[in-house]
């Protein structure tokens, strides 16, 4: 297998990760103090400030990321000045290069010649335009090339994120050094890590000022978190950098030491469902008429008594670990949810009821079947959730009967907007396992191929 581009850059980051006990790449975007047309003295002051800042944070960060505003304000020679005070600190040019091949080659040539170790390139420009940068990276001693496959700001969900699976596939094809993944959305980091495999670096911006929690992207599979304003705008940047270093490094150590309790739990759910054939992979037509690469049928689980009993055990285990989900009664949603609610209610010795999709046309003409007292806290239970429609209807019926509903618990979340729809009605969705994590668990067990996994995760991402 051909090695990724930028092996020297990768090795430098790995060595600094060990020596600094950090997984922070610092985005030193400090050109905000220098307006266009400022005198040369102001420019020299900015260079001095940059060097002083770089020297201060150097013991606590793996690399520095320089953005366009800083380089436009100081010139590419800023790299030389920083290297004078921090010679072992790798520099990344965050230029998000996005032009034709010839122009990209010139940008890369000037960037690498200035002593910068890696450059960030947009993925949507395609093979030829990216290859031009890779060629220059090779010419300058195998420098790094980092591809943007997703971004951290909200607007990225509009155009870039839907194309992330294809961009990640392109990154693997071209063997780029690394990819940019949103630290503001750890689940997307997990998907991207699955798509690009274990060797390609994953760098996650958006941590700190944009809302990403330090260590969360690392825990989800990123190699490094890119942190800017939270460090350089702090009263004591070195102290804050030291704190971020500790958080990110510990997250990496914890992740690498083995699976978390939650990961083991999801792993068990995934294998159980796969063992009984409750999840099928291939090509299926859903009730909506849409094609899907997977199909879930949890109605068959009760036909396997041992597996059904183990699944109820997992329900009980989940509830024991989430004591804030409190309830007096359990409500099953027809039809699949009734079997799960019935078994769970008996296991927990909790009263059970179920909610009809339509009220009976005779007798008491009720939708809620069972004994329900006003003020009761009711947990709604079902097999899976797609858009949440049946769960909303069930919860509303229970509420109309005078009881309270705050939580909905399902086996599988198809991650197609159900949680957001429930939240609008002040309902919190809980699942034993989201479909993306089930897919990743089955991939880890080699029950799904890389190609199957990528296709399924791409379908889920597009459907979200």
Foldseek 3Di string as FASTA:
>chain_A
DDAFFAPVVVVLLVVLCVQLLFQEAEEAAPLPVPDPPRDPVVLVVLLVVVLVLCLLQVSQHSAYEYEDSNCVSRNLLSLVSNCVNVVSHAYEYEDQAADAQVVLLVVLLVNVVSPHQEYEHEQVNDDRNQVSNQVSCVVSPRGAYEYEQFEADPCRLVPRLLCSLVSLLVCQVNSGQAYEDALQDLVRLLLSCLSNDQRRAYEHECDDPNRRDQLSNLLSPHSHYYHYCVQPVDPRNNVSSNVSRNRNSVSNVVNVVDDDPLLVLLLVLLVLCVVQVQKDADWDQDPVRDIARMHGHCLCQVVPVVSLVVVLVSVVVVCVVVVVLDFQEEEAQPDQRVVSRVVNCVVVVHHYWYAAPAFDPDDPRARIGDDDDAAGEYEYEYAEDAQQPSVVVRQVSNVVVRYHYQEYEHAEYQLQNNQVVLVVVNHGYYYSYYPLSSLVSCVVVVVDDSVSNSVNSSVSSNND
